[in-house]
Amino acid sequence: MGTEHSKNEEQRNMVFLRKGPKLPAWEDALLAGREPKSLLKRGLCYVSLSLIMKGMTSTPDFLWGLHEVQKLNLSRNQLVVIPPSLGKLDRLVVLNLCGNCLKCLPKEIGLLRNLKVLFVNMNCLKEVPAELSLCRKLEVLSLSHNCISQLPFSFTDLTSLRKLNLSNNRFVQIPLCIFALRSLDFLHLGSNKLENIAESIQYLVNLQIFIVENNNIRSLPRSLCYISTLELLNADYNAIQTLPDDLYLLRRLRRIAWNPMDKGLHIAHNPLSRPLPEVVEGGLDVLFNYLRDKKEHN
């Protein structure tokens, strides 16, 4: 009788397990007795691990023992914190933390001396740890869609940084440390609270794409016209009334652009003083000729 009761109980438990909620992929792998390292994918360039959209509210402990991982994707979960153990993954080259609920990053992120790409966009960050500046190989950094209003001055040490996205944050002015990043070729500061662009922008001598759309900028600095590498300048949706006379020096701007993805000069939805609105409608050549003539007659 006891044996039969045990069998019935076991059958009921099996039915319950089958009907229970499906386990996240990483947890299921562990419970199936798999070695955590079997989750790694070994590609031509990187040893990678992807845990996208697993519903994680915290990181699994096994993760910090996978020392060989070079590309880690934890995006689109519900992570509130990344523990100091992150620093153990010192071979990381690419780290994607976007689309979580992070309010801060651990200072141990500075131990990732091989890190080249970091995505922390779409989180709840209010600040960035100064230790991130120890990642001297960092080339791409996205901090967009957070609540950041300033950057640590130590960011001047990120001399390899080429692409920086700070859009949709709370910057009132461009952080001074940015003007020291001479390798930047892409800078996105759209949808902040900027009221001006400092003349120091001219020090970004390799800048090709500069986006400051949807701010409160009233004028473009003359020094911006000396960045001869500029191919896309997006100043749509600001409070600009006049344009600098030397704008025609930006010879790599090929057109007045209307599509956000197009290279060229984006100057729509600004209260430009007359006759600038009509001149802009004539195209970039007409605008540049107007500004050149205006300068010569002043």
C-alpha atoms as a PDB file:
ATOM      1  CA  MET A   1       0.000   0.000   0.000  1.00  0.00           C
ATOM      2  CA  GLY A   2       2.838   2.327   0.902  1.00  0.00           C
ATOM      3  CA  THR A   3       4.641   1.537  -2.363  1.00  0.00           C
ATOM      4  CA  GLU A   4       1.517   2.276  -4.417  1.00  0.00           C
ATOM      5  CA  HIS A   5       0.979   5.562  -2.569  1.00  0.00           C
ATOM      6  CA  SER A   6       4.596   6.573  -3.363  1.00  0.00           C
ATOM      7  CA  LYS A   7       4.127   5.846  -7.044  1.00  0.00           C
ATOM      8  CA  ASN A   8       0.922   7.912  -7.175  1.00  0.00           C
ATOM      9  CA  GLU A   9       2.660  10.793  -5.410  1.00  0.00           C
ATOM     10  CA  GLU A  10       5.569  10.616  -7.860  1.00  0.00           C
ATOM     11  CA  GLN A  11       3.175  10.655 -10.831  1.00  0.00           C
ATOM     12  CA  ARG A  12       1.374  13.718  -9.417  1.00  0.00           C
ATOM     13  CA  ASN A  13       4.737  15.488  -8.999  1.00  0.00           C
ATOM     14  CA  MET A  14       5.726  14.683 -12.576  1.00  0.00           C
ATOM     15  CA  VAL A  15       2.435  16.135 -13.863  1.00  0.00           C
ATOM     16  CA  PHE A  16       2.989  19.261 -11.748  1.00  0.00           C
ATOM     17  CA  LEU A  17       6.504  19.720 -13.152  1.00  0.00           C
ATOM     18  CA  ARG A  18       5.286  19.368 -16.716  1.00  0.00           C
ATOM     19  CA  LYS A  19       2.577  21.963 -16.149  1.00  0.00           C
ATOM     20  CA  GLY A  20       4.839  24.340 -14.239  1.00  0.00           C
ATOM     21  CA  PRO A  21       6.330  27.538 -15.659  1.00  0.00           C
ATOM     22  CA  LYS A  22       9.030  27.104 -18.252  1.00  0.00           C
ATOM     23  CA  LEU A  23      12.495  27.675 -16.838  1.00  0.00           C
ATOM     24  CA  PRO A  24      14.760  30.367 -18.341  1.00  0.00           C
ATOM     25  CA  ALA A  25      17.191  28.929 -20.892  1.00  0.00           C
ATOM     26  CA  TRP A  26      20.293  29.412 -18.728  1.00  0.00           C
ATOM     27  CA  GLU A  27      18.654  27.862 -15.651  1.00  0.00           C
ATOM     28  CA  ASP A  28      17.281  24.982 -17.689  1.00  0.00           C
ATOM     29  CA  ALA A  29      20.793  24.308 -18.993  1.00  0.00           C
ATOM     30  CA  LEU A  30      22.122  24.053 -15.454  1.00  0.00           C
ATOM     31  CA  LEU A  31      19.297  21.833 -14.234  1.00  0.00           C
ATOM     32  CA  ALA A  32      19.830  19.549 -17.205  1.00  0.00           C
ATOM     33  CA  GLY A  33      23.296  18.912 -15.847  1.00  0.00           C
ATOM     34  CA  ARG A  34      25.131  20.765 -18.596  1.00  0.00           C
ATOM     35  CA  GLU A  35      28.497  22.345 -17.964  1.00  0.00           C
ATOM     36  CA  PRO A  36      28.036  26.179 -17.933  1.00  0.00           C
ATOM     37  CA  LYS A  37      30.889  26.491 -20.431  1.00  0.00           C
ATOM     38  CA  SER A  38      28.703  24.687 -22.955  1.00  0.00           C
ATOM     39  CA  LEU A  39      26.661  27.911 -23.192  1.00  0.00           C
ATOM     40  CA  LEU A  40      29.626  29.667 -24.769  1.00  0.00           C
ATOM     41  CA  LYS A  41      29.786  30.080 -28.519  1.00  0.00           C
ATOM     42  CA  ARG A  42      33.205  30.069 -30.105  1.00  0.00           C
ATOM     43  CA  GLY A  43      33.144  32.187 -33.241  1.00  0.00           C
ATOM     44  CA  LEU A  44      35.893  33.354 -35.548  1.00  0.00           C
ATOM     45  CA  CYS A  45      36.541  36.514 -33.525  1.00  0.00           C
ATOM     46  CA  TYR A  46      35.188  36.061 -30.011  1.00  0.00           C
ATOM     47  CA  VAL A  47      34.117  33.557 -27.411  1.00  0.00           C
ATOM     48  CA  SER A  48      30.595  34.837 -26.723  1.00  0.00           C
ATOM     49  CA  LEU A  49      27.706  34.334 -24.338  1.00  0.00           C
ATOM     50  CA  SER A  50      24.211  35.687 -24.976  1.00  0.00           C
ATOM     51  CA  LEU A  51      21.525  35.830 -22.278  1.00  0.00           C
ATOM     52  CA  ILE A  52      19.096  38.204 -24.006  1.00  0.00           C
ATOM     53  CA  MET A  53      15.507  38.474 -22.753  1.00  0.00           C
ATOM     54  CA  LYS A  54      15.735  35.794 -20.081  1.00  0.00           C
ATOM     55  CA  GLY A  55      13.687  37.766 -17.543  1.00  0.00           C
ATOM     56  CA  MET A  56      16.657  37.917 -15.201  1.00  0.00           C
ATOM     57  CA  THR A  57      16.443  40.237 -12.212  1.00  0.00           C
ATOM     58  CA  SER A  58      19.943  39.241 -11.100  1.00  0.00           C
ATOM     59  CA  THR A  59      22.923  37.697 -12.824  1.00  0.00           C
ATOM     60  CA  PRO A  60      23.532  33.944 -12.409  1.00  0.00           C
ATOM     61  CA  ASP A  61      26.540  33.129 -10.230  1.00  0.00           C
ATOM     62  CA  PHE A  62      28.073  30.760 -12.780  1.00  0.00           C
ATOM     63  CA  LEU A  63      28.630  33.702 -15.117  1.00  0.00           C
ATOM     64  CA  TRP A  64      31.596  35.086 -13.198  1.00  0.00           C
ATOM     65  CA  GLY A  65      33.508  31.820 -13.566  1.00  0.00           C
ATOM     66  CA  LEU A  66      33.463  31.951 -17.371  1.00  0.00           C
ATOM     67  CA  HIS A  67      36.799  33.755 -17.594  1.00  0.00           C
ATOM     68  CA  GLU A  68      37.304  33.048 -21.295  1.00  0.00           C
ATOM     69  CA  VAL A  69      34.189  34.953 -22.425  1.00  0.00           C
ATOM     70  CA  GLN A  70      35.052  37.956 -24.623  1.00  0.00           C
ATOM     71  CA  LYS A  71      31.616  39.056 -25.802  1.00  0.00           C
ATOM     72  CA  LEU A  72      28.786  39.167 -23.244  1.00  0.00           C
ATOM     73  CA  ASN A  73      25.201  40.177 -23.993  1.00  0.00           C
ATOM     74  CA  LEU A  74      22.866  40.673 -21.016  1.00  0.00           C
ATOM     75  CA  SER A  75      20.528  43.091 -22.777  1.00  0.00           C
ATOM     76  CA  ARG A  76      16.751  43.363 -22.387  1.00  0.00           C
ATOM     77  CA  ASN A  77      16.437  41.783 -18.976  1.00  0.00           C
ATOM     78  CA  GLN A  78      15.372  43.340 -15.666  1.00  0.00           C
ATOM     79  CA  LEU A  79      18.766  43.624 -14.018  1.00  0.00           C
ATOM     80  CA  VAL A  80      18.921  46.192 -11.221  1.00  0.00           C
ATOM     81  CA  VAL A  81      22.591  45.763 -10.363  1.00  0.00           C
ATOM     82  CA  ILE A  82      25.768  44.319 -11.846  1.00  0.00           C
ATOM     83  CA  PRO A  83      27.939  42.894  -9.044  1.00  0.00           C
ATOM     84  CA  PRO A  84      31.651  43.659  -8.517  1.00  0.00           C
ATOM     85  CA  SER A  85      32.358  40.140  -9.843  1.00  0.00           C
ATOM     86  CA  LEU A  86      32.120  41.685 -13.317  1.00  0.00           C
ATOM     87  CA  GLY A  87      35.788  42.591 -12.913  1.00  0.00           C
ATOM     88  CA  LYS A  88      36.708  38.909 -13.084  1.00  0.00           C
ATOM     89  CA  LEU A  89      35.835  38.793 -16.782  1.00  0.00           C
ATOM     90  CA  ASP A  90      39.017  40.606 -17.743  1.00  0.00           C
ATOM     91  CA  ARG A  91      39.028  39.231 -21.294  1.00  0.00           C
ATOM     92  CA  LEU A  92      35.808  41.010 -22.215  1.00  0.00           C
ATOM     93  CA  VAL A  93      35.977  42.989 -25.453  1.00  0.00           C
ATOM     94  CA  VAL A  94      32.249  43.646 -25.957  1.00  0.00           C
ATOM     95  CA  LEU A  95      29.706  44.140 -23.140  1.00  0.00           C
ATOM     96  CA  ASN A  96      26.020  44.805 -23.817  1.00  0.00           C
ATOM     97  CA  LEU A  97      23.872  45.817 -20.827  1.00  0.00           C
ATOM     98  CA  CYS A  98      21.216  47.830 -22.655  1.00  0.00           C
ATOM     99  CA  GLY A  99      17.542  47.668 -21.798  1.00  0.00           C
ATOM    100  CA  ASN A 100      17.814  46.863 -18.093  1.00  0.00           C
ATOM    101  CA  CYS A 101      17.058  48.793 -14.876  1.00  0.00           C
ATOM    102  CA  LEU A 102      20.613  49.621 -13.818  1.00  0.00           C
ATOM    103  CA  LYS A 103      21.054  52.678 -11.593  1.00  0.00           C
ATOM    104  CA  CYS A 104      24.833  52.414 -11.438  1.00  0.00           C
ATOM    105  CA  LEU A 105      27.810  50.467 -12.735  1.00  0.00           C
ATOM    106  CA  PRO A 106      30.333  48.824 -10.410  1.00  0.00           C
ATOM    107  CA  LYS A 107      33.705  50.547 -10.120  1.00  0.00           C
ATOM    108  CA  GLU A 108      35.243  47.142 -10.948  1.00  0.00           C
ATOM    109  CA  ILE A 109      34.303  47.821 -14.566  1.00  0.00           C
ATOM    110  CA  GLY A 110      37.690  49.552 -14.660  1.00  0.00           C
ATOM    111  CA  LEU A 111      39.330  46.104 -14.461  1.00  0.00           C
ATOM    112  CA  LEU A 112      38.099  45.281 -17.964  1.00  0.00           C
ATOM    113  CA  ARG A 113      41.283  46.521 -19.601  1.00  0.00           C
ATOM    114  CA  ASN A 114      40.498  44.789 -22.937  1.00  0.00           C
ATOM    115  CA  LEU A 115      37.015  46.305 -23.289  1.00  0.00           C
ATOM    116  CA  LYS A 116      36.438  47.999 -26.648  1.00  0.00           C
ATOM    117  CA  VAL A 117      32.632  48.239 -26.892  1.00  0.00           C
ATOM    118  CA  LEU A 118      30.190  49.065 -24.083  1.00  0.00           C
ATOM    119  CA  PHE A 119      26.421  49.503 -24.426  1.00  0.00           C
ATOM    120  CA  VAL A 120      24.531  50.687 -21.339  1.00  0.00           C
ATOM    121  CA  ASN A 121      21.759  52.556 -23.151  1.00  0.00           C
ATOM    122  CA  MET A 122      18.140  52.410 -21.941  1.00  0.00           C
ATOM    123  CA  ASN A 123      18.824  52.067 -18.232  1.00  0.00           C
ATOM    124  CA  CYS A 124      18.390  54.330 -15.184  1.00  0.00           C
ATOM    125  CA  LEU A 125      21.957  55.599 -14.753  1.00  0.00           C
ATOM    126  CA  LYS A 126      22.425  58.970 -13.078  1.00  0.00           C
ATOM    127  CA  GLU A 127      26.211  58.857 -13.141  1.00  0.00           C
ATOM    128  CA  VAL A 128      29.108  56.943 -14.625  1.00  0.00           C
ATOM    129  CA  PRO A 129      31.974  55.629 -12.481  1.00  0.00           C
ATOM    130  CA  ALA A 130      35.298  57.408 -12.923  1.00  0.00           C
ATOM    131  CA  GLU A 131      36.933  53.957 -13.066  1.00  0.00           C
ATOM    132  CA  LEU A 132      35.513  53.435 -16.550  1.00  0.00           C
ATOM    133  CA  SER A 133      38.317  55.710 -17.754  1.00  0.00           C
ATOM    134  CA  LEU A 134      40.740  52.874 -16.934  1.00  0.00           C
ATOM    135  CA  CYS A 135      39.362  50.987 -19.948  1.00  0.00           C
ATOM    136  CA  ARG A 136      41.886  52.684 -22.222  1.00  0.00           C
ATOM    137  CA  LYS A 137      41.050  50.459 -25.219  1.00  0.00           C
ATOM    138  CA  LEU A 138      37.400  51.548 -25.254  1.00  0.00           C
ATOM    139  CA  GLU A 139      36.347  52.615 -28.768  1.00  0.00           C
ATOM    140  CA  VAL A 140      32.538  52.609 -28.668  1.00  0.00           C
ATOM    141  CA  LEU A 141      30.421  53.815 -25.734  1.00  0.00           C
ATOM    142  CA  SER A 142      26.639  54.208 -25.696  1.00  0.00           C
ATOM    143  CA  LEU A 143      25.008  55.760 -22.630  1.00  0.00           C
ATOM    144  CA  SER A 144      21.859  57.003 -24.366  1.00  0.00           C
ATOM    145  CA  HIS A 145      18.410  56.999 -22.741  1.00  0.00           C
ATOM    146  CA  ASN A 146      19.549  57.392 -19.137  1.00  0.00           C
ATOM    147  CA  CYS A 147      19.403  60.224 -16.577  1.00  0.00           C
ATOM    148  CA  ILE A 148      23.027  61.391 -16.776  1.00  0.00           C
ATOM    149  CA  SER A 149      23.856  65.097 -16.447  1.00  0.00           C
ATOM    150  CA  GLN A 150      27.655  65.018 -16.200  1.00  0.00           C
ATOM    151  CA  LEU A 151      30.697  62.851 -16.878  1.00  0.00           C
ATOM    152  CA  PRO A 152      33.805  62.396 -14.718  1.00  0.00           C
ATOM    153  CA  PHE A 153      36.744  64.481 -15.902  1.00  0.00           C
ATOM    154  CA  SER A 154      38.861  61.313 -15.945  1.00  0.00           C
ATOM    155  CA  PHE A 155      37.135  60.502 -19.237  1.00  0.00           C
ATOM    156  CA  THR A 156      39.891  62.539 -20.845  1.00  0.00           C
ATOM    157  CA  ASP A 157      41.954  59.335 -20.597  1.00  0.00           C
ATOM    158  CA  LEU A 158      39.704  57.503 -23.076  1.00  0.00           C
ATOM    159  CA  THR A 159      41.946  58.496 -25.954  1.00  0.00           C
ATOM    160  CA  SER A 160      40.896  55.547 -28.151  1.00  0.00           C
ATOM    161  CA  LEU A 161      37.191  56.423 -28.006  1.00  0.00           C
ATOM    162  CA  ARG A 162      35.764  56.916 -31.504  1.00  0.00           C
ATOM    163  CA  LYS A 163      31.995  56.748 -31.047  1.00  0.00           C
ATOM    164  CA  LEU A 164      30.097  58.277 -28.130  1.00  0.00           C
ATOM    165  CA  ASN A 165      26.306  58.323 -27.779  1.00  0.00           C
ATOM    166  CA  LEU A 166      24.942  60.503 -24.962  1.00  0.00           C
ATOM    167  CA  SER A 167      21.530  61.200 -26.473  1.00  0.00           C
ATOM    168  CA  ASN A 168      18.342  61.318 -24.401  1.00  0.00           C
ATOM    169  CA  ASN A 169      19.985  62.295 -21.133  1.00  0.00           C
ATOM    170  CA  ARG A 170      20.007  65.485 -19.032  1.00  0.00           C
ATOM    171  CA  PHE A 171      23.102  67.367 -20.163  1.00  0.00           C
ATOM    172  CA  VAL A 172      22.780  71.152 -19.961  1.00  0.00           C
ATOM    173  CA  GLN A 173      26.213  71.636 -21.503  1.00  0.00           C
ATOM    174  CA  ILE A 174      28.717  69.443 -23.291  1.00  0.00           C
ATOM    175  CA  PRO A 175      31.060  67.978 -20.642  1.00  0.00           C
ATOM    176  CA  LEU A 176      34.540  69.513 -20.867  1.00  0.00           C
ATOM    177  CA  CYS A 177      36.198  66.101 -20.915  1.00  0.00           C
ATOM    178  CA  ILE A 178      34.676  65.383 -24.323  1.00  0.00           C
ATOM    179  CA  PHE A 179      36.774  68.064 -25.995  1.00  0.00           C
ATOM    180  CA  ALA A 180      39.902  66.074 -25.105  1.00  0.00           C
ATOM    181  CA  LEU A 181      38.710  62.997 -27.025  1.00  0.00           C
ATOM    182  CA  ARG A 182      40.527  63.789 -30.250  1.00  0.00           C
ATOM    183  CA  SER A 183      39.801  60.375 -31.814  1.00  0.00           C
ATOM    184  CA  LEU A 184      36.017  60.901 -31.788  1.00  0.00           C
ATOM    185  CA  ASP A 185      34.426  60.583 -35.209  1.00  0.00           C
ATOM    186  CA  PHE A 186      30.820  60.190 -33.944  1.00  0.00           C
ATOM    187  CA  LEU A 187      29.185  62.271 -31.195  1.00  0.00           C
ATOM    188  CA  HIS A 188      25.453  62.113 -30.457  1.00  0.00           C
ATOM    189  CA  LEU A 189      24.024  64.596 -27.939  1.00  0.00           C
ATOM    190  CA  GLY A 190      20.483  64.772 -29.276  1.00  0.00           C
ATOM    191  CA  SER A 191      17.481  65.134 -26.958  1.00  0.00           C
ATOM    192  CA  ASN A 192      19.272  66.721 -24.015  1.00  0.00           C
ATOM    193  CA  LYS A 193      18.947  70.232 -22.554  1.00  0.00           C
ATOM    194  CA  LEU A 194      21.871  71.930 -24.312  1.00  0.00           C
ATOM    195  CA  GLU A 195      21.615  75.682 -24.785  1.00  0.00           C
ATOM    196  CA  ASN A 196      24.929  76.204 -26.550  1.00  0.00           C
ATOM    197  CA  ILE A 197      27.941  74.489 -28.062  1.00  0.00           C
ATOM    198  CA  ALA A 198      31.292  75.641 -26.678  1.00  0.00           C
ATOM    199  CA  GLU A 199      33.918  77.001 -29.060  1.00  0.00           C
ATOM    200  CA  SER A 200      36.129  74.138 -27.835  1.00  0.00           C
ATOM    201  CA  ILE A 201      34.222  71.850 -30.202  1.00  0.00           C
ATOM    202  CA  GLN A 202      36.947  72.694 -32.745  1.00  0.00           C
ATOM    203  CA  TYR A 203      39.366  70.397 -30.904  1.00  0.00           C
ATOM    204  CA  LEU A 204      37.449  67.344 -32.146  1.00  0.00           C
ATOM    205  CA  VAL A 205      39.424  67.399 -35.362  1.00  0.00           C
ATOM    206  CA  ASN A 206      38.319  63.951 -36.554  1.00  0.00           C
ATOM    207  CA  LEU A 207      34.596  64.400 -35.991  1.00  0.00           C
ATOM    208  CA  GLN A 208      32.525  63.185 -38.944  1.00  0.00           C
ATOM    209  CA  ILE A 209      29.040  62.899 -37.436  1.00  0.00           C
ATOM    210  CA  PHE A 210      27.773  65.447 -34.914  1.00  0.00           C
ATOM    211  CA  ILE A 211      24.152  65.245 -33.751  1.00  0.00           C
ATOM    212  CA  VAL A 212      22.607  67.841 -31.432  1.00  0.00           C
ATOM    213  CA  GLU A 213      18.992  67.688 -32.568  1.00  0.00           C
ATOM    214  CA  ASN A 214      16.122  68.392 -30.192  1.00  0.00           C
ATOM    215  CA  ASN A 215      17.905  70.683 -27.722  1.00  0.00           C
ATOM    216  CA  ASN A 216      17.597  74.392 -26.884  1.00  0.00           C
ATOM    217  CA  ILE A 217      20.626  75.595 -28.850  1.00  0.00           C
ATOM    218  CA  ARG A 218      20.319  79.206 -30.009  1.00  0.00           C
ATOM    219  CA  SER A 219      23.353  79.415 -32.296  1.00  0.00           C
ATOM    220  CA  LEU A 220      26.155  77.355 -33.799  1.00  0.00           C
ATOM    221  CA  PRO A 221      29.692  78.437 -32.835  1.00  0.00           C
ATOM    222  CA  ARG A 222      32.013  79.742 -35.518  1.00  0.00           C
ATOM    223  CA  SER A 223      34.681  77.239 -34.460  1.00  0.00           C
ATOM    224  CA  LEU A 224      32.416  74.389 -35.592  1.00  0.00           C
ATOM    225  CA  CYS A 225      33.091  75.512 -39.149  1.00  0.00           C
ATOM    226  CA  TYR A 226      36.758  74.556 -38.819  1.00  0.00           C
ATOM    227  CA  ILE A 227      36.093  70.830 -38.371  1.00  0.00           C
ATOM    228  CA  SER A 228      36.789  69.978 -41.996  1.00  0.00           C
ATOM    229  CA  THR A 229      35.971  66.286 -41.495  1.00  0.00           C
ATOM    230  CA  LEU A 230      32.257  66.866 -40.754  1.00  0.00           C
ATOM    231  CA  GLU A 231      29.956  64.915 -43.073  1.00  0.00           C
ATOM    232  CA  LEU A 232      26.759  65.067 -41.013  1.00  0.00           C
ATOM    233  CA  LEU A 233      25.685  67.967 -38.829  1.00  0.00           C
ATOM    234  CA  ASN A 234      22.223  67.543 -37.357  1.00  0.00           C
ATOM    235  CA  ALA A 235      20.876  70.588 -35.521  1.00  0.00           C
ATOM    236  CA  ASP A 236      17.175  70.011 -36.240  1.00  0.00           C
ATOM    237  CA  TYR A 237      14.591  71.045 -33.643  1.00  0.00           C
ATOM    238  CA  ASN A 238      16.522  73.759 -31.804  1.00  0.00           C
ATOM    239  CA  ALA A 239      16.170  77.515 -31.321  1.00  0.00           C
ATOM    240  CA  ILE A 240      18.712  78.599 -33.967  1.00  0.00           C
ATOM    241  CA  GLN A 241      18.007  81.939 -35.641  1.00  0.00           C
ATOM    242  CA  THR A 242      21.247  82.600 -37.521  1.00  0.00           C
ATOM    243  CA  LEU A 243      24.031  80.526 -39.046  1.00  0.00           C
ATOM    244  CA  PRO A 244      27.777  81.298 -38.847  1.00  0.00           C
ATOM    245  CA  ASP A 245      29.106  82.978 -41.992  1.00  0.00           C
ATOM    246  CA  ASP A 246      31.958  80.452 -42.215  1.00  0.00           C
ATOM    247  CA  LEU A 247      29.623  77.476 -42.478  1.00  0.00           C
ATOM    248  CA  TYR A 248      30.574  77.152 -46.162  1.00  0.00           C
ATOM    249  CA  LEU A 249      33.994  75.890 -45.034  1.00  0.00           C
ATOM    250  CA  LEU A 250      32.376  72.548 -44.184  1.00  0.00           C
ATOM    251  CA  ARG A 251      32.927  71.203 -47.692  1.00  0.00           C
ATOM    252  CA  ARG A 252      32.107  67.587 -46.805  1.00  0.00           C
ATOM    253  CA  LEU A 253      28.496  68.512 -46.122  1.00  0.00           C
ATOM    254  CA  ARG A 254      26.981  67.533 -49.462  1.00  0.00           C
ATOM    255  CA  ARG A 255      23.360  68.637 -49.138  1.00  0.00           C
ATOM    256  CA  ILE A 256      20.574  70.050 -47.032  1.00  0.00           C
ATOM    257  CA  ALA A 257      19.349  66.790 -45.509  1.00  0.00           C
ATOM    258  CA  TRP A 258      15.806  65.995 -44.465  1.00  0.00           C
ATOM    259  CA  ASN A 259      16.000  62.275 -43.769  1.00  0.00           C
ATOM    260  CA  PRO A 260      17.597  61.663 -40.335  1.00  0.00           C
ATOM    261  CA  MET A 261      19.782  58.923 -41.823  1.00  0.00           C
ATOM    262  CA  ASP A 262      21.208  61.110 -44.602  1.00  0.00           C
ATOM    263  CA  LYS A 263      24.557  62.821 -44.402  1.00  0.00           C
ATOM    264  CA  GLY A 264      24.607  66.565 -44.850  1.00  0.00           C
ATOM    265  CA  LEU A 265      23.309  69.606 -42.985  1.00  0.00           C
ATOM    266  CA  HIS A 266      20.121  69.143 -40.942  1.00  0.00           C
ATOM    267  CA  ILE A 267      18.726  72.528 -39.955  1.00  0.00           C
ATOM    268  CA  ALA A 268      14.944  72.024 -40.131  1.00  0.00           C
ATOM    269  CA  HIS A 269      12.481  73.112 -37.437  1.00  0.00           C
ATOM    270  CA  ASN A 270      14.496  76.114 -36.265  1.00  0.00           C
ATOM    271  CA  PRO A 271      13.232  79.732 -36.121  1.00  0.00           C
ATOM    272  CA  LEU A 272      15.752  80.892 -38.748  1.00  0.00           C
ATOM    273  CA  SER A 273      15.590  84.628 -39.404  1.00  0.00           C
ATOM    274  CA  ARG A 274      14.771  85.737 -42.939  1.00  0.00           C
ATOM    275  CA  PRO A 275      15.921  85.313 -45.618  1.00  0.00           C
ATOM    276  CA  LEU A 276      17.512  82.095 -44.314  1.00  0.00           C
ATOM    277  CA  PRO A 277      14.385  79.894 -44.587  1.00  0.00           C
ATOM    278  CA  GLU A 278      14.037  80.650 -48.298  1.00  0.00           C
ATOM    279  CA  VAL A 279      17.793  80.311 -48.869  1.00  0.00           C
ATOM    280  CA  VAL A 280      17.865  76.894 -47.191  1.00  0.00           C
ATOM    281  CA  GLU A 281      15.048  75.716 -49.452  1.00  0.00           C
ATOM    282  CA  GLY A 282      17.318  76.462 -52.391  1.00  0.00           C
ATOM    283  CA  GLY A 283      19.798  73.820 -51.290  1.00  0.00           C
ATOM    284  CA  LEU A 284      23.249  73.751 -49.771  1.00  0.00           C
ATOM    285  CA  ASP A 285      25.071  75.479 -52.652  1.00  0.00           C
ATOM    286  CA  VAL A 286      22.654  78.401 -52.502  1.00  0.00           C
ATOM    287  CA  LEU A 287      23.058  78.616 -48.728  1.00  0.00           C
ATOM    288  CA  PHE A 288      26.847  78.488 -48.876  1.00  0.00           C
ATOM    289  CA  ASN A 289      26.994  81.156 -51.600  1.00  0.00           C
ATOM    290  CA  TYR A 290      24.718  83.369 -49.532  1.00  0.00           C
ATOM    291  CA  LEU A 291      26.896  83.004 -46.431  1.00  0.00           C
ATOM    292  CA  ARG A 292      30.093  83.563 -48.414  1.00  0.00           C
ATOM    293  CA  ASP A 293      28.728  86.743 -50.001  1.00  0.00           C
ATOM    294  CA  LYS A 294      27.429  87.925 -46.656  1.00  0.00           C
ATOM    295  CA  LYS A 295      30.855  87.514 -45.100  1.00  0.00           C
ATOM    296  CA  GLU A 296      32.581  89.353 -47.952  1.00  0.00           C
ATOM    297  CA  HIS A 297      30.244  92.332 -47.642  1.00  0.00           C
ATOM    298  CA  ASN A 298      30.560  92.636 -43.888  1.00  0.00           C
END
